[in-house]
Amino acid sequence: MGGLIISLFLGAVAGWLGSEIYKGHGLGLPGNIIVGIIGGVIGYWLLGKLGVSFGGGIFGYIITAAIGSIVLLFLINLISGRRS
């Protein structure tokens, strides 16, 4: 249970950080958690393909997930046709 809470918290932080950097539409806490968790998967896949790693700790996860979140937010805004 503790691991799930930590994952949700880190996902929220990464999603929030990604949305702050990208400056898209705010998604609120649930949206930030979802974007952060999916962004983590995208970030690890994308950075893995590029041979880039920020380490395995909390800081590395947040940076990797934030980069993935930025990519995800870009794609969401590209598909929906909106950008603020």
PDB file of N, CA and C in Angstrom:
ATOM      1  N   MET A   1       0.822  -1.195   0.000  1.00  0.00           N
ATOM      2  CA  MET A   1       0.000   0.000   0.000  1.00  0.00           C
ATOM      3  C   MET A   1       0.865   1.257   0.000  1.00  0.00           C
ATOM      4  N   GLY A   2       1.979   1.215   0.742  1.00  0.00           N
ATOM      5  CA  GLY A   2       2.863   2.368   0.805  1.00  0.00           C
ATOM      6  C   GLY A   2       3.487   2.677  -0.547  1.00  0.00           C
ATOM      7  N   GLY A   3       3.814   1.611  -1.312  1.00  0.00           N
ATOM      8  CA  GLY A   3       4.395   1.805  -2.638  1.00  0.00           C
ATOM      9  C   GLY A   3       3.420   2.479  -3.589  1.00  0.00           C
ATOM     10  N   LEU A   4       2.151   2.133  -3.472  1.00  0.00           N
ATOM     11  CA  LEU A   4       1.130   2.745  -4.319  1.00  0.00           C
ATOM     12  C   LEU A   4       0.992   4.229  -3.997  1.00  0.00           C
ATOM     13  N   ILE A   5       0.998   4.559  -2.732  1.00  0.00           N
ATOM     14  CA  ILE A   5       0.873   5.963  -2.337  1.00  0.00           C
ATOM     15  C   ILE A   5       2.080   6.764  -2.813  1.00  0.00           C
ATOM     16  N   ILE A   6       3.259   6.178  -2.682  1.00  0.00           N
ATOM     17  CA  ILE A   6       4.473   6.857  -3.157  1.00  0.00           C
ATOM     18  C   ILE A   6       4.423   7.040  -4.666  1.00  0.00           C
ATOM     19  N   SER A   7       3.982   6.017  -5.398  1.00  0.00           N
ATOM     20  CA  SER A   7       3.873   6.134  -6.857  1.00  0.00           C
ATOM     21  C   SER A   7       2.882   7.222  -7.259  1.00  0.00           C
ATOM     22  N   LEU A   8       1.753   7.285  -6.568  1.00  0.00           N
ATOM     23  CA  LEU A   8       0.763   8.321  -6.868  1.00  0.00           C
ATOM     24  C   LEU A   8       1.318   9.708  -6.569  1.00  0.00           C
ATOM     25  N   PHE A   9       2.027   9.834  -5.438  1.00  0.00           N
ATOM     26  CA  PHE A   9       2.617  11.120  -5.078  1.00  0.00           C
ATOM     27  C   PHE A   9       3.674  11.541  -6.096  1.00  0.00           C
ATOM     28  N   LEU A  10       4.566  10.625  -6.448  1.00  0.00           N
ATOM     29  CA  LEU A  10       5.608  10.952  -7.428  1.00  0.00           C
ATOM     30  C   LEU A  10       5.008  11.244  -8.800  1.00  0.00           C
ATOM     31  N   GLY A  11       3.947  10.516  -9.155  1.00  0.00           N
ATOM     32  CA  GLY A  11       3.254  10.792 -10.408  1.00  0.00           C
ATOM     33  C   GLY A  11       2.635  12.175 -10.413  1.00  0.00           C
ATOM     34  N   ALA A  12       2.051  12.565  -9.276  1.00  0.00           N
ATOM     35  CA  ALA A  12       1.454  13.896  -9.173  1.00  0.00           C
ATOM     36  C   ALA A  12       2.518  14.979  -9.294  1.00  0.00           C
ATOM     37  N   VAL A  13       3.648  14.780  -8.623  1.00  0.00           N
ATOM     38  CA  VAL A  13       4.738  15.760  -8.697  1.00  0.00           C
ATOM     39  C   VAL A  13       5.265  15.861 -10.119  1.00  0.00           C
ATOM     40  N   ALA A  14       5.503  14.714 -10.749  1.00  0.00           N
ATOM     41  CA  ALA A  14       6.026  14.716 -12.118  1.00  0.00           C
ATOM     42  C   ALA A  14       5.026  15.333 -13.094  1.00  0.00           C
ATOM     43  N   GLY A  15       3.742  15.002 -12.946  1.00  0.00           N
ATOM     44  CA  GLY A  15       2.716  15.580 -13.816  1.00  0.00           C
ATOM     45  C   GLY A  15       2.586  17.077 -13.627  1.00  0.00           C
ATOM     46  N   TRP A  16       2.641  17.520 -12.370  1.00  0.00           N
ATOM     47  CA  TRP A  16       2.575  18.952 -12.088  1.00  0.00           C
ATOM     48  C   TRP A  16       3.788  19.659 -12.687  1.00  0.00           C
ATOM     49  N   LEU A  17       4.977  19.089 -12.486  1.00  0.00           N
ATOM     50  CA  LEU A  17       6.197  19.692 -13.022  1.00  0.00           C
ATOM     51  C   LEU A  17       6.144  19.763 -14.544  1.00  0.00           C
ATOM     52  N   GLY A  18       5.694  18.680 -15.173  1.00  0.00           N
ATOM     53  CA  GLY A  18       5.564  18.681 -16.627  1.00  0.00           C
ATOM     54  C   GLY A  18       4.587  19.730 -17.117  1.00  0.00           C
ATOM     55  N   SER A  19       3.458  19.876 -16.413  1.00  0.00           N
ATOM     56  CA  SER A  19       2.463  20.875 -16.838  1.00  0.00           C
ATOM     57  C   SER A  19       2.963  22.293 -16.599  1.00  0.00           C
ATOM     58  N   GLU A  20       3.768  22.502 -15.559  1.00  0.00           N
ATOM     59  CA  GLU A  20       4.337  23.831 -15.309  1.00  0.00           C
ATOM     60  C   GLU A  20       5.354  24.197 -16.387  1.00  0.00           C
ATOM     61  N   ILE A  21       6.154  23.234 -16.803  1.00  0.00           N
ATOM     62  CA  ILE A  21       7.160  23.491 -17.834  1.00  0.00           C
ATOM     63  C   ILE A  21       6.498  23.668 -19.193  1.00  0.00           C
ATOM     64  N   TYR A  22       5.533  22.799 -19.497  1.00  0.00           N
ATOM     65  CA  TYR A  22       4.884  22.859 -20.811  1.00  0.00           C
ATOM     66  C   TYR A  22       3.888  24.004 -20.907  1.00  0.00           C
ATOM     67  N   LYS A  23       3.282  24.396 -19.808  1.00  0.00           N
ATOM     68  CA  LYS A  23       2.290  25.475 -19.750  1.00  0.00           C
ATOM     69  C   LYS A  23       1.050  25.167 -20.593  1.00  0.00           C
ATOM     70  N   GLY A  24       0.585  23.932 -20.510  1.00  0.00           N
ATOM     71  CA  GLY A  24      -0.665  23.582 -21.162  1.00  0.00           C
ATOM     72  C   GLY A  24      -1.829  23.889 -20.241  1.00  0.00           C
ATOM     73  N   HIS A  25      -2.979  23.327 -20.533  1.00  0.00           N
ATOM     74  CA  HIS A  25      -4.144  23.522 -19.672  1.00  0.00           C
ATOM     75  C   HIS A  25      -3.966  22.724 -18.392  1.00  0.00           C
ATOM     76  N   GLY A  26      -4.386  23.285 -17.273  1.00  0.00           N
ATOM     77  CA  GLY A  26      -4.305  22.590 -16.000  1.00  0.00           C
ATOM     78  C   GLY A  26      -5.233  21.387 -15.987  1.00  0.00           C
ATOM     79  N   LEU A  27      -4.746  20.287 -15.444  1.00  0.00           N
ATOM     80  CA  LEU A  27      -5.541  19.062 -15.409  1.00  0.00           C
ATOM     81  C   LEU A  27      -6.013  18.708 -14.015  1.00  0.00           C
ATOM     82  N   GLY A  28      -5.602  19.476 -13.010  1.00  0.00           N
ATOM     83  CA  GLY A  28      -5.970  19.179 -11.640  1.00  0.00           C
ATOM     84  C   GLY A  28      -5.169  18.008 -11.089  1.00  0.00           C
ATOM     85  N   LEU A  29      -5.374  17.696  -9.836  1.00  0.00           N
ATOM     86  CA  LEU A  29      -4.609  16.649  -9.174  1.00  0.00           C
ATOM     87  C   LEU A  29      -4.785  15.281  -9.829  1.00  0.00           C
ATOM     88  N   PRO A  30      -6.019  14.814 -10.098  1.00  0.00           N
ATOM     89  CA  PRO A  30      -6.148  13.499 -10.740  1.00  0.00           C
ATOM     90  C   PRO A  30      -5.483  13.459 -12.122  1.00  0.00           C
ATOM     91  N   GLY A  31      -5.636  14.526 -12.879  1.00  0.00           N
ATOM     92  CA  GLY A  31      -5.009  14.583 -14.201  1.00  0.00           C
ATOM     93  C   GLY A  31      -3.501  14.592 -14.112  1.00  0.00           C
ATOM     94  N   ASN A  32      -2.956  15.333 -13.144  1.00  0.00           N
ATOM     95  CA  ASN A  32      -1.501  15.359 -12.958  1.00  0.00           C
ATOM     96  C   ASN A  32      -0.968  13.988 -12.571  1.00  0.00           C
ATOM     97  N   ILE A  33      -1.685  13.273 -11.721  1.00  0.00           N
ATOM     98  CA  ILE A  33      -1.257  11.931 -11.325  1.00  0.00           C
ATOM     99  C   ILE A  33      -1.224  11.011 -12.549  1.00  0.00           C
ATOM    100  N   ILE A  34      -2.285  11.038 -13.329  1.00  0.00           N
ATOM    101  CA  ILE A  34      -2.359  10.172 -14.507  1.00  0.00           C
ATOM    102  C   ILE A  34      -1.280  10.547 -15.519  1.00  0.00           C
ATOM    103  N   VAL A  35      -1.136  11.839 -15.799  1.00  0.00           N
ATOM    104  CA  VAL A  35      -0.120  12.294 -16.755  1.00  0.00           C
ATOM    105  C   VAL A  35       1.280  11.953 -16.244  1.00  0.00           C
ATOM    106  N   GLY A  36       1.503  12.104 -14.935  1.00  0.00           N
ATOM    107  CA  GLY A  36       2.811  11.791 -14.367  1.00  0.00           C
ATOM    108  C   GLY A  36       3.158  10.318 -14.449  1.00  0.00           C
ATOM    109  N   ILE A  37       2.195   9.454 -14.167  1.00  0.00           N
ATOM    110  CA  ILE A  37       2.445   8.013 -14.220  1.00  0.00           C
ATOM    111  C   ILE A  37       2.653   7.563 -15.659  1.00  0.00           C
ATOM    112  N   ILE A  38       1.789   7.988 -16.554  1.00  0.00           N
ATOM    113  CA  ILE A  38       1.968   7.643 -17.974  1.00  0.00           C
ATOM    114  C   ILE A  38       3.238   8.290 -18.507  1.00  0.00           C
ATOM    115  N   GLY A  39       3.512   9.516 -18.058  1.00  0.00           N
ATOM    116  CA  GLY A  39       4.738  10.200 -18.456  1.00  0.00           C
ATOM    117  C   GLY A  39       5.980   9.456 -18.011  1.00  0.00           C
ATOM    118  N   GLY A  40       5.917   8.803 -16.844  1.00  0.00           N
ATOM    119  CA  GLY A  40       7.030   7.988 -16.381  1.00  0.00           C
ATOM    120  C   GLY A  40       7.327   6.847 -17.339  1.00  0.00           C
ATOM    121  N   VAL A  41       6.273   6.195 -17.802  1.00  0.00           N
ATOM    122  CA  VAL A  41       6.444   5.101 -18.767  1.00  0.00           C
ATOM    123  C   VAL A  41       7.019   5.639 -20.072  1.00  0.00           C
ATOM    124  N   ILE A  42       6.450   6.729 -20.566  1.00  0.00           N
ATOM    125  CA  ILE A  42       6.933   7.333 -21.810  1.00  0.00           C
ATOM    126  C   ILE A  42       8.373   7.804 -21.645  1.00  0.00           C
ATOM    127  N   GLY A  43       8.672   8.452 -20.526  1.00  0.00           N
ATOM    128  CA  GLY A  43      10.013   8.967 -20.285  1.00  0.00           C
ATOM    129  C   GLY A  43      11.056   7.864 -20.243  1.00  0.00           C
ATOM    130  N   TYR A  44      10.773   6.787 -19.501  1.00  0.00           N
ATOM    131  CA  TYR A  44      11.726   5.685 -19.436  1.00  0.00           C
ATOM    132  C   TYR A  44      11.906   5.027 -20.791  1.00  0.00           C
ATOM    133  N   TRP A  45      10.831   4.874 -21.548  1.00  0.00           N
ATOM    134  CA  TRP A  45      10.945   4.269 -22.877  1.00  0.00           C
ATOM    135  C   TRP A  45      11.751   5.170 -23.808  1.00  0.00           C
ATOM    136  N   LEU A  46      11.374   6.451 -23.868  1.00  0.00           N
ATOM    137  CA  LEU A  46      12.008   7.388 -24.787  1.00  0.00           C
ATOM    138  C   LEU A  46      13.475   7.619 -24.428  1.00  0.00           C
ATOM    139  N   LEU A  47      13.751   7.899 -23.159  1.00  0.00           N
ATOM    140  CA  LEU A  47      15.131   8.150 -22.755  1.00  0.00           C
ATOM    141  C   LEU A  47      15.970   6.875 -22.853  1.00  0.00           C
ATOM    142  N   GLY A  48      15.350   5.723 -22.644  1.00  0.00           N
ATOM    143  CA  GLY A  48      16.050   4.449 -22.824  1.00  0.00           C
ATOM    144  C   GLY A  48      16.487   4.255 -24.269  1.00  0.00           C
ATOM    145  N   LYS A  49      15.605   4.626 -25.206  1.00  0.00           N
ATOM    146  CA  LYS A  49      15.943   4.540 -26.637  1.00  0.00           C
ATOM    147  C   LYS A  49      17.084   5.492 -26.990  1.00  0.00           C
ATOM    148  N   LEU A  50      17.166   6.613 -26.289  1.00  0.00           N
ATOM    149  CA  LEU A  50      18.216   7.599 -26.543  1.00  0.00           C
ATOM    150  C   LEU A  50      19.480   7.314 -25.730  1.00  0.00           C
ATOM    151  N   GLY A  51      19.427   6.321 -24.851  1.00  0.00           N
ATOM    152  CA  GLY A  51      20.580   5.976 -24.026  1.00  0.00           C
ATOM    153  C   GLY A  51      20.841   6.965 -22.898  1.00  0.00           C
ATOM    154  N   VAL A  52      19.793   7.654 -22.428  1.00  0.00           N
ATOM    155  CA  VAL A  52      19.921   8.651 -21.374  1.00  0.00           C
ATOM    156  C   VAL A  52      19.287   8.108 -20.094  1.00  0.00           C
ATOM    157  N   SER A  53      19.943   8.317 -18.963  1.00  0.00           N
ATOM    158  CA  SER A  53      19.395   7.902 -17.679  1.00  0.00           C
ATOM    159  C   SER A  53      19.707   8.958 -16.630  1.00  0.00           C
ATOM    160  N   PHE A  54      18.726   9.256 -15.809  1.00  0.00           N
ATOM    161  CA  PHE A  54      18.906  10.189 -14.706  1.00  0.00           C
ATOM    162  C   PHE A  54      19.024   9.460 -13.371  1.00  0.00           C
ATOM    163  N   GLY A  55      19.245   8.163 -13.410  1.00  0.00           N
ATOM    164  CA  GLY A  55      19.409   7.366 -12.195  1.00  0.00           C
ATOM    165  C   GLY A  55      18.118   6.713 -11.779  1.00  0.00           C
ATOM    166  N   GLY A  56      18.220   5.898 -10.745  1.00  0.00           N
ATOM    167  CA  GLY A  56      17.065   5.131 -10.307  1.00  0.00           C
ATOM    168  C   GLY A  56      16.394   5.661  -9.063  1.00  0.00           C
ATOM    169  N   GLY A  57      16.863   6.748  -8.502  1.00  0.00           N
ATOM    170  CA  GLY A  57      16.274   7.288  -7.276  1.00  0.00           C
ATOM    171  C   GLY A  57      15.028   8.111  -7.556  1.00  0.00           C
ATOM    172  N   ILE A  58      14.518   8.701  -6.497  1.00  0.00           N
ATOM    173  CA  ILE A  58      13.307   9.516  -6.592  1.00  0.00           C
ATOM    174  C   ILE A  58      13.524  10.698  -7.529  1.00  0.00           C
ATOM    175  N   PHE A  59      14.657  11.372  -7.405  1.00  0.00           N
ATOM    176  CA  PHE A  59      14.947  12.522  -8.260  1.00  0.00           C
ATOM    177  C   PHE A  59      14.998  12.107  -9.732  1.00  0.00           C
ATOM    178  N   GLY A  60      15.663  10.990 -10.005  1.00  0.00           N
ATOM    179  CA  GLY A  60      15.743  10.494 -11.380  1.00  0.00           C
ATOM    180  C   GLY A  60      14.377  10.153 -11.949  1.00  0.00           C
ATOM    181  N   TYR A  61      13.520   9.529 -11.100  1.00  0.00           N
ATOM    182  CA  TYR A  61      12.175   9.193 -11.549  1.00  0.00           C
ATOM    183  C   TYR A  61      11.374  10.454 -11.870  1.00  0.00           C
ATOM    184  N   ILE A  62      11.447  11.444 -10.994  1.00  0.00           N
ATOM    185  CA  ILE A  62      10.659  12.657 -11.203  1.00  0.00           C
ATOM    186  C   ILE A  62      11.104  13.372 -12.478  1.00  0.00           C
ATOM    187  N   ILE A  63      12.410  13.487 -12.708  1.00  0.00           N
ATOM    188  CA  ILE A  63      12.910  14.150 -13.923  1.00  0.00           C
ATOM    189  C   ILE A  63      12.501  13.368 -15.168  1.00  0.00           C
ATOM    190  N   THR A  64      12.683  12.044 -15.132  1.00  0.00           N
ATOM    191  CA  THR A  64      12.315  11.207 -16.278  1.00  0.00           C
ATOM    192  C   THR A  64      10.818  11.283 -16.546  1.00  0.00           C
ATOM    193  N   ALA A  65      10.006  11.181 -15.496  1.00  0.00           N
ATOM    194  CA  ALA A  65       8.549  11.241 -15.661  1.00  0.00           C
ATOM    195  C   ALA A  65       8.098  12.626 -16.101  1.00  0.00           C
ATOM    196  N   ALA A  66       8.762  13.672 -15.632  1.00  0.00           N
ATOM    197  CA  ALA A  66       8.404  15.030 -16.060  1.00  0.00           C
ATOM    198  C   ALA A  66       8.687  15.212 -17.548  1.00  0.00           C
ATOM    199  N   ILE A  67       9.806  14.673 -18.014  1.00  0.00           N
ATOM    200  CA  ILE A  67      10.112  14.748 -19.459  1.00  0.00           C
ATOM    201  C   ILE A  67       9.060  13.979 -20.245  1.00  0.00           C
ATOM    202  N   GLY A  68       8.710  12.789 -19.777  1.00  0.00           N
ATOM    203  CA  GLY A  68       7.649  12.020 -20.426  1.00  0.00           C
ATOM    204  C   GLY A  68       6.309  12.743 -20.367  1.00  0.00           C
ATOM    205  N   SER A  69       6.049  13.428 -19.267  1.00  0.00           N
ATOM    206  CA  SER A  69       4.798  14.187 -19.125  1.00  0.00           C
ATOM    207  C   SER A  69       4.735  15.334 -20.117  1.00  0.00           C
ATOM    208  N   ILE A  70       5.867  15.989 -20.333  1.00  0.00           N
ATOM    209  CA  ILE A  70       5.916  17.077 -21.318  1.00  0.00           C
ATOM    210  C   ILE A  70       5.606  16.537 -22.701  1.00  0.00           C
ATOM    211  N   VAL A  71       6.190  15.389 -23.039  1.00  0.00           N
ATOM    212  CA  VAL A  71       5.914  14.761 -24.341  1.00  0.00           C
ATOM    213  C   VAL A  71       4.431  14.412 -24.440  1.00  0.00           C
ATOM    214  N   LEU A  72       3.875  13.822 -23.377  1.00  0.00           N
ATOM    215  CA  LEU A  72       2.458  13.447 -23.378  1.00  0.00           C
ATOM    216  C   LEU A  72       1.563  14.674 -23.497  1.00  0.00           C
ATOM    217  N   LEU A  73       1.850  15.731 -22.746  1.00  0.00           N
ATOM    218  CA  LEU A  73       1.046  16.957 -22.830  1.00  0.00           C
ATOM    219  C   LEU A  73       1.141  17.586 -24.214  1.00  0.00           C
ATOM    220  N   PHE A  74       2.316  17.545 -24.818  1.00  0.00           N
ATOM    221  CA  PHE A  74       2.469  18.049 -26.182  1.00  0.00           C
ATOM    222  C   PHE A  74       1.569  17.270 -27.132  1.00  0.00           C
ATOM    223  N   LEU A  75       1.581  15.945 -27.013  1.00  0.00           N
ATOM    224  CA  LEU A  75       0.747  15.119 -27.895  1.00  0.00           C
ATOM    225  C   LEU A  75      -0.739  15.349 -27.648  1.00  0.00           C
ATOM    226  N   ILE A  76      -1.135  15.482 -26.374  1.00  0.00           N
ATOM    227  CA  ILE A  76      -2.544  15.746 -26.053  1.00  0.00           C
ATOM    228  C   ILE A  76      -2.981  17.070 -26.670  1.00  0.00           C
ATOM    229  N   ASN A  77      -2.156  18.101 -26.508  1.00  0.00           N
ATOM    230  CA  ASN A  77      -2.506  19.411 -27.056  1.00  0.00           C
ATOM    231  C   ASN A  77      -2.441  19.431 -28.579  1.00  0.00           C
ATOM    232  N   LEU A  78      -1.559  18.637 -29.162  1.00  0.00           N
ATOM    233  CA  LEU A  78      -1.466  18.527 -30.613  1.00  0.00           C
ATOM    234  C   LEU A  78      -2.735  17.882 -31.176  1.00  0.00           C
ATOM    235  N   ILE A  79      -3.171  16.817 -30.533  1.00  0.00           N
ATOM    236  CA  ILE A  79      -4.371  16.105 -30.986  1.00  0.00           C
ATOM    237  C   ILE A  79      -5.628  16.941 -30.753  1.00  0.00           C
ATOM    238  N   SER A  80      -5.706  17.573 -29.579  1.00  0.00           N
ATOM    239  CA  SER A  80      -6.907  18.349 -29.283  1.00  0.00           C
ATOM    240  C   SER A  80      -6.898  19.731 -29.952  1.00  0.00           C
ATOM    241  N   GLY A  81      -5.750  20.148 -30.440  1.00  0.00           N
ATOM    242  CA  GLY A  81      -5.661  21.419 -31.158  1.00  0.00           C
ATOM    243  C   GLY A  81      -5.678  22.646 -30.274  1.00  0.00           C
ATOM    244  N   ARG A  82      -5.346  22.485 -28.997  1.00  0.00           N
ATOM    245  CA  ARG A  82      -5.348  23.652 -28.115  1.00  0.00           C
ATOM    246  C   ARG A  82      -3.996  23.797 -27.444  1.00  0.00           C
ATOM    247  N   ARG A  83      -3.639  25.042 -27.215  1.00  0.00           N
ATOM    248  CA  ARG A  83      -2.365  25.380 -26.551  1.00  0.00           C
ATOM    249  C   ARG A  83      -2.554  26.746 -25.931  1.00  0.00           C
ATOM    250  N   SER A  84      -2.283  26.860 -24.641  1.00  0.00           N
ATOM    251  CA  SER A  84      -2.449  28.171 -23.997  1.00  0.00           C
ATOM    252  C   SER A  84      -1.116  28.819 -23.768  1.00  0.00           C
TER     253      SER A  84
END
